[in-house]
């Protein structure tokens, strides 16, 4: 069985396309721009809930805020007493909670019920590692966490209020730059700064499938019927990863 799964993942296609330095036109338009602050907040990103109604905005010095996507003037401040930079976040597929990860092994949990922020545990396992990426798998049973020096784990809440954390075997040595999971296939894609692109299967096994030495910046698995994910690099390359979940 494992041999068949490995073979299926091995035929996943990493199609590299160089993007042009300039484009004659754009299909994307920006209309109203809402400023969250007159000062530089050091924002690092945002996590969108599954319905697309709210986004958790995060950044330097544990900045956290919940923003309505339909009315950005509607915002809820999320309080956490820390100065640790937060680098990535992801909502659970159920939409009621989210993980936000940051420097010094920090993992926070957001609860929609009362808009609380709590320590999700796992700092013993993560130590002082700078955590750079997090994504829930398709069923919401585990979240994958990536960090500097190629570190990868799977984690979930434990019954004692802490965290159950296990390392992913076969990791690389360069920083993990992104993780995203396909919305219907039980497969997640990992991008790294130098080790290429990897796929994590339903058994939490990691397979590196190509793209080595490209400086991958992030990976996204768009919603829809296509069994593909897309990775982008800082040197203007795009990879299309065709997944085979059979």
Protein backbone atom coordinates (compact mmCIF):
# COMPACT_ATOMS: atom_id res chain seq x y z
CA UNK A 1 0.00 0.00 0.00
CA UNK A 2 2.75 2.44 0.95
CA UNK A 3 4.57 1.70 -2.32
CA UNK A 4 1.41 2.50 -4.31
CA UNK A 5 0.87 5.76 -2.45
CA UNK A 6 4.49 6.78 -2.96
CA UNK A 7 4.17 6.02 -6.66
CA UNK A 8 1.02 8.12 -6.94
CA UNK A 9 2.70 11.08 -5.33
CA UNK A 10 5.82 10.64 -7.44
CA UNK A 11 3.85 11.35 -10.61
CA UNK A 12 2.61 14.63 -9.20
CA UNK A 13 3.63 17.24 -11.72
CA UNK A 14 5.69 20.26 -10.77
CA UNK A 15 5.35 22.53 -13.78
CA UNK A 16 7.62 25.55 -13.61
CA UNK A 17 6.69 28.71 -15.44
CA UNK A 18 8.72 31.89 -15.48
CA UNK A 19 6.53 34.95 -15.02
CA UNK A 20 7.18 38.08 -17.10
CA UNK A 21 8.82 41.02 -15.44
CA UNK A 22 5.94 43.29 -16.45
CA UNK A 23 2.38 42.85 -17.65
CA UNK A 24 0.46 44.97 -20.11
CA UNK A 25 -2.74 44.68 -18.10
CA UNK A 26 -4.22 43.23 -14.96
CA UNK A 27 -7.45 41.38 -14.22
CA UNK A 28 -7.33 42.53 -10.60
CA UNK A 29 -8.73 45.88 -9.54
CA UNK A 30 -8.56 47.58 -6.15
CA UNK A 31 -11.33 49.91 -5.13
CA UNK A 32 -11.76 51.06 -1.54
CA UNK A 33 -8.65 50.85 0.63
CA UNK A 34 -9.15 50.87 4.40
CA UNK A 35 -6.22 51.68 6.67
CA UNK A 36 -6.05 49.79 9.95
CA UNK A 37 -3.71 52.36 11.45
CA UNK A 38 -1.73 55.46 10.58
CA UNK A 39 1.34 53.70 11.97
CA UNK A 40 3.25 50.74 10.58
CA UNK A 41 1.75 47.70 12.30
CA UNK A 42 4.31 45.28 10.91
CA UNK A 43 1.64 43.07 9.40
CA UNK A 44 2.75 39.63 8.23
CA UNK A 45 -0.50 38.22 6.88
CA UNK A 46 -4.12 37.28 7.45
CA UNK A 47 -6.09 34.05 7.91
CA UNK A 48 -9.50 33.93 6.22
CA UNK A 49 -12.31 31.90 7.77
CA UNK A 50 -13.87 29.11 5.64
CA UNK A 51 -16.95 31.20 4.86
CA UNK A 52 -14.89 34.22 3.85
CA UNK A 53 -16.62 36.63 6.24
CA UNK A 54 -13.82 37.36 8.72
CA UNK A 55 -10.03 37.50 8.63
CA UNK A 56 -7.55 37.38 11.49
CA UNK A 57 -4.81 39.90 10.77
CA UNK A 58 -1.49 39.26 12.52
CA UNK A 59 2.02 40.66 12.65
CA UNK A 60 4.85 42.04 14.75
CA UNK A 61 4.68 42.24 18.54
CA UNK A 62 1.76 39.79 18.68
CA UNK A 63 -0.53 42.17 16.79
CA UNK A 64 -3.91 40.48 16.32
CA UNK A 65 -7.20 41.81 15.03
CA UNK A 66 -10.37 40.28 13.59
CA UNK A 67 -11.58 42.20 10.52
CA UNK A 68 -14.84 41.86 8.60
CA UNK A 69 -14.17 41.22 4.91
CA UNK A 70 -17.41 42.92 3.85
CA UNK A 71 -16.96 45.95 6.08
CA UNK A 72 -13.30 46.39 7.09
CA UNK A 73 -14.29 49.20 9.43
CA UNK A 74 -15.83 46.49 11.63
CA UNK A 75 -12.95 45.14 13.67
CA UNK A 76 -12.47 43.28 16.93
CA UNK A 77 -9.21 43.64 18.82
CA UNK A 78 -7.78 40.30 19.91
CA UNK A 79 -5.68 40.61 23.03
CA UNK A 80 -2.52 38.65 23.80
CA UNK A 81 0.16 39.94 26.14
CA UNK A 82 3.37 39.27 24.24
CA UNK A 83 5.94 40.92 21.99
CA UNK A 84 6.54 37.83 19.85
CA UNK A 85 6.13 38.32 16.09
CA UNK A 86 3.33 36.25 14.55
CA UNK A 87 4.03 34.84 11.09
CA UNK A 88 1.13 32.70 9.85
CA UNK A 89 -2.35 31.50 10.73
CA UNK A 90 -5.09 29.16 9.56
CA UNK A 91 -8.71 28.52 10.49
CA UNK A 92 -9.93 25.04 11.34
CA UNK A 93 -12.24 23.79 8.55
CA UNK A 94 -15.13 24.08 11.01
CA UNK A 95 -14.50 27.81 11.24
CA UNK A 96 -14.81 28.05 15.02
CA UNK A 97 -11.11 28.12 15.91
CA UNK A 98 -7.80 29.07 14.36
CA UNK A 99 -4.10 28.54 15.03
CA UNK A 100 -1.63 31.43 14.74
CA UNK A 101 2.11 30.67 14.88
CA UNK A 102 5.13 32.88 15.43
CA UNK A 103 8.66 33.26 16.70
CA UNK A 104 10.05 31.45 19.75
CA UNK A 105 7.81 28.42 19.22
CA UNK A 106 4.65 30.41 19.84
CA UNK A 107 1.31 28.80 18.89
CA UNK A 108 -1.90 30.66 19.74
CA UNK A 109 -5.50 29.47 19.49
CA UNK A 110 -8.37 31.78 18.56
CA UNK A 111 -11.92 30.80 19.60
CA UNK A 112 -14.81 32.42 17.74
CA UNK A 113 -17.25 31.76 20.58
CA UNK A 114 -15.79 34.49 22.79
CA UNK A 115 -13.01 35.89 20.56
CA UNK A 116 -10.43 34.69 23.06
CA UNK A 117 -6.75 34.08 22.39
CA UNK A 118 -5.05 31.35 24.40
CA UNK A 119 -1.72 29.56 24.39
CA UNK A 120 -2.17 26.38 22.34
CA UNK A 121 0.75 24.65 24.03
CA UNK A 122 3.52 22.77 22.30
CA UNK A 123 6.29 25.19 23.20
CA UNK A 124 8.20 22.35 24.87
CA UNK A 125 8.19 20.48 21.56
CA UNK A 126 8.85 23.55 19.38
CA UNK A 127 11.44 25.06 21.74
CA UNK A 128 12.57 28.47 20.46
CA UNK A 129 12.04 27.58 16.80
CA UNK A 130 10.75 30.36 14.59
CA UNK A 131 7.45 28.97 13.28
CA UNK A 132 6.68 30.18 9.77
CA UNK A 133 3.67 28.23 8.47
CA UNK A 134 0.55 26.42 9.66
CA UNK A 135 -2.34 24.66 7.89
CA UNK A 136 -5.16 22.35 8.96
CA UNK A 137 -5.61 19.16 7.00
CA UNK A 138 -8.80 18.56 5.04
CA UNK A 139 -10.68 16.77 7.82
CA UNK A 140 -9.49 19.14 10.54
CA UNK A 141 -7.99 16.30 12.57
CA UNK A 142 -4.42 17.67 12.55
CA UNK A 143 -2.66 20.94 11.84
CA UNK A 144 0.75 20.92 10.17
CA UNK A 145 3.29 23.42 11.48
CA UNK A 146 6.50 24.42 9.71
CA UNK A 147 9.48 26.41 10.88
CA UNK A 148 13.04 27.46 10.28
CA UNK A 149 15.70 24.89 9.35
CA UNK A 150 13.10 22.66 7.70
CA UNK A 151 11.25 21.68 10.88
CA UNK A 152 7.79 20.16 10.36
CA UNK A 153 5.29 18.85 12.89
CA UNK A 154 1.67 17.79 13.15
CA UNK A 155 -0.26 19.01 16.16
CA UNK A 156 -3.71 19.13 17.73
CA UNK A 157 -5.23 19.99 21.07
CA UNK A 158 -4.77 17.39 23.79
CA UNK A 159 -7.37 16.39 26.36
CA UNK A 160 -5.30 17.90 29.18
CA UNK A 161 -5.49 21.34 27.58
CA UNK A 162 -2.01 21.17 26.11
CA UNK A 163 -0.97 19.99 22.67
CA UNK A 164 -0.22 16.65 21.06
CA UNK A 165 2.78 17.21 18.78
CA UNK A 166 4.70 14.80 16.54
CA UNK A 167 7.61 15.58 14.18
CA UNK A 168 7.26 14.84 10.46
CA UNK A 169 10.03 12.53 9.27
CA UNK A 170 12.09 13.24 6.16
CA UNK A 171 12.25 17.00 6.56
CA UNK A 172 14.75 19.16 4.70
CA UNK A 173 17.23 21.66 6.10
CA UNK A 174 15.96 25.00 4.76
CA UNK A 175 13.15 27.14 6.17
CA UNK A 176 9.55 26.12 5.48
CA UNK A 177 7.93 29.02 3.62
CA UNK A 178 4.37 27.76 3.26
CA UNK A 179 1.92 24.92 3.88
CA UNK A 180 -1.55 24.48 2.42
CA UNK A 181 -3.95 21.56 2.24
CA UNK A 182 -6.22 20.64 -0.65
CA UNK A 183 -9.88 21.31 0.24
CA UNK A 184 -11.11 17.83 -0.76
CA UNK A 185 -8.07 15.53 -1.09
CA UNK A 186 -6.32 14.39 2.09
CA UNK A 187 -3.05 15.85 0.82
CA UNK A 188 -1.09 18.91 1.93
CA UNK A 189 1.67 20.71 0.02
CA UNK A 190 4.79 22.18 1.62
CA UNK A 191 7.09 24.81 0.11
CA UNK A 192 10.63 25.48 1.31
CA UNK A 193 13.35 28.00 0.62
CA UNK A 194 15.82 25.51 -0.92
CA UNK A 195 14.59 21.93 -0.48
CA UNK A 196 11.83 22.20 -3.06
CA UNK A 197 8.19 21.22 -2.77
CA UNK A 198 6.84 18.35 -0.70
CA UNK A 199 3.52 16.56 -0.29
CA UNK A 200 2.18 15.17 3.00
CA UNK A 201 -0.28 12.29 2.65
CA UNK A 202 -3.12 11.14 4.92
CA UNK A 203 -0.65 9.01 6.90
CA UNK A 204 1.51 12.09 7.61
CA UNK A 205 4.32 10.82 5.37
CA UNK A 206 6.32 13.52 3.57
CA UNK A 207 7.43 13.11 -0.06
CA UNK A 208 9.68 15.64 -1.80
CA UNK A 209 8.57 15.88 -5.44
CA UNK A 210 10.85 18.48 -7.05
CA UNK A 211 11.62 22.16 -7.43
CA UNK A 212 14.86 21.96 -5.47
CA UNK A 213 16.91 25.16 -5.08
CA UNK A 214 14.10 27.46 -6.20
CA UNK A 215 13.43 30.05 -3.46
CA UNK A 216 9.77 29.15 -2.92
CA UNK A 217 7.87 31.83 -1.02
CA UNK A 218 4.46 30.21 -0.47
CA UNK A 219 1.98 27.63 -1.71
CA UNK A 220 -1.81 27.78 -2.11
CA UNK A 221 -4.40 25.11 -2.88
CA UNK A 222 -7.38 27.02 -4.34
CA UNK A 223 -10.93 25.91 -3.66
CA UNK A 224 -12.73 24.27 -6.56
CA UNK A 225 -12.70 20.99 -8.44
CA UNK A 226 -9.12 21.10 -9.72
CA UNK A 227 -6.70 18.72 -7.99
CA UNK A 228 -3.88 21.25 -8.12
CA UNK A 229 -1.94 23.60 -5.89
CA UNK A 230 0.25 26.53 -6.90
CA UNK A 231 3.62 27.60 -5.47
CA UNK A 232 5.40 30.88 -6.17
CA UNK A 233 9.06 31.79 -5.76
CA UNK A 234 10.82 35.05 -5.01
CA UNK A 235 12.59 34.86 -8.38
CA UNK A 236 9.27 35.01 -10.27
CA UNK A 237 8.70 31.32 -10.92
CA UNK A 238 5.37 29.55 -10.54
CA UNK A 239 4.89 25.82 -9.97
CA UNK A 240 1.64 23.97 -10.58
CA UNK A 241 1.46 20.82 -8.47
CA UNK A 242 -0.99 18.24 -9.81
CA UNK A 243 -2.13 15.94 -7.02
CA UNK A 244 -3.20 12.31 -7.24
CA UNK A 245 -5.16 11.23 -4.20
CA UNK A 246 -5.80 7.66 -5.36
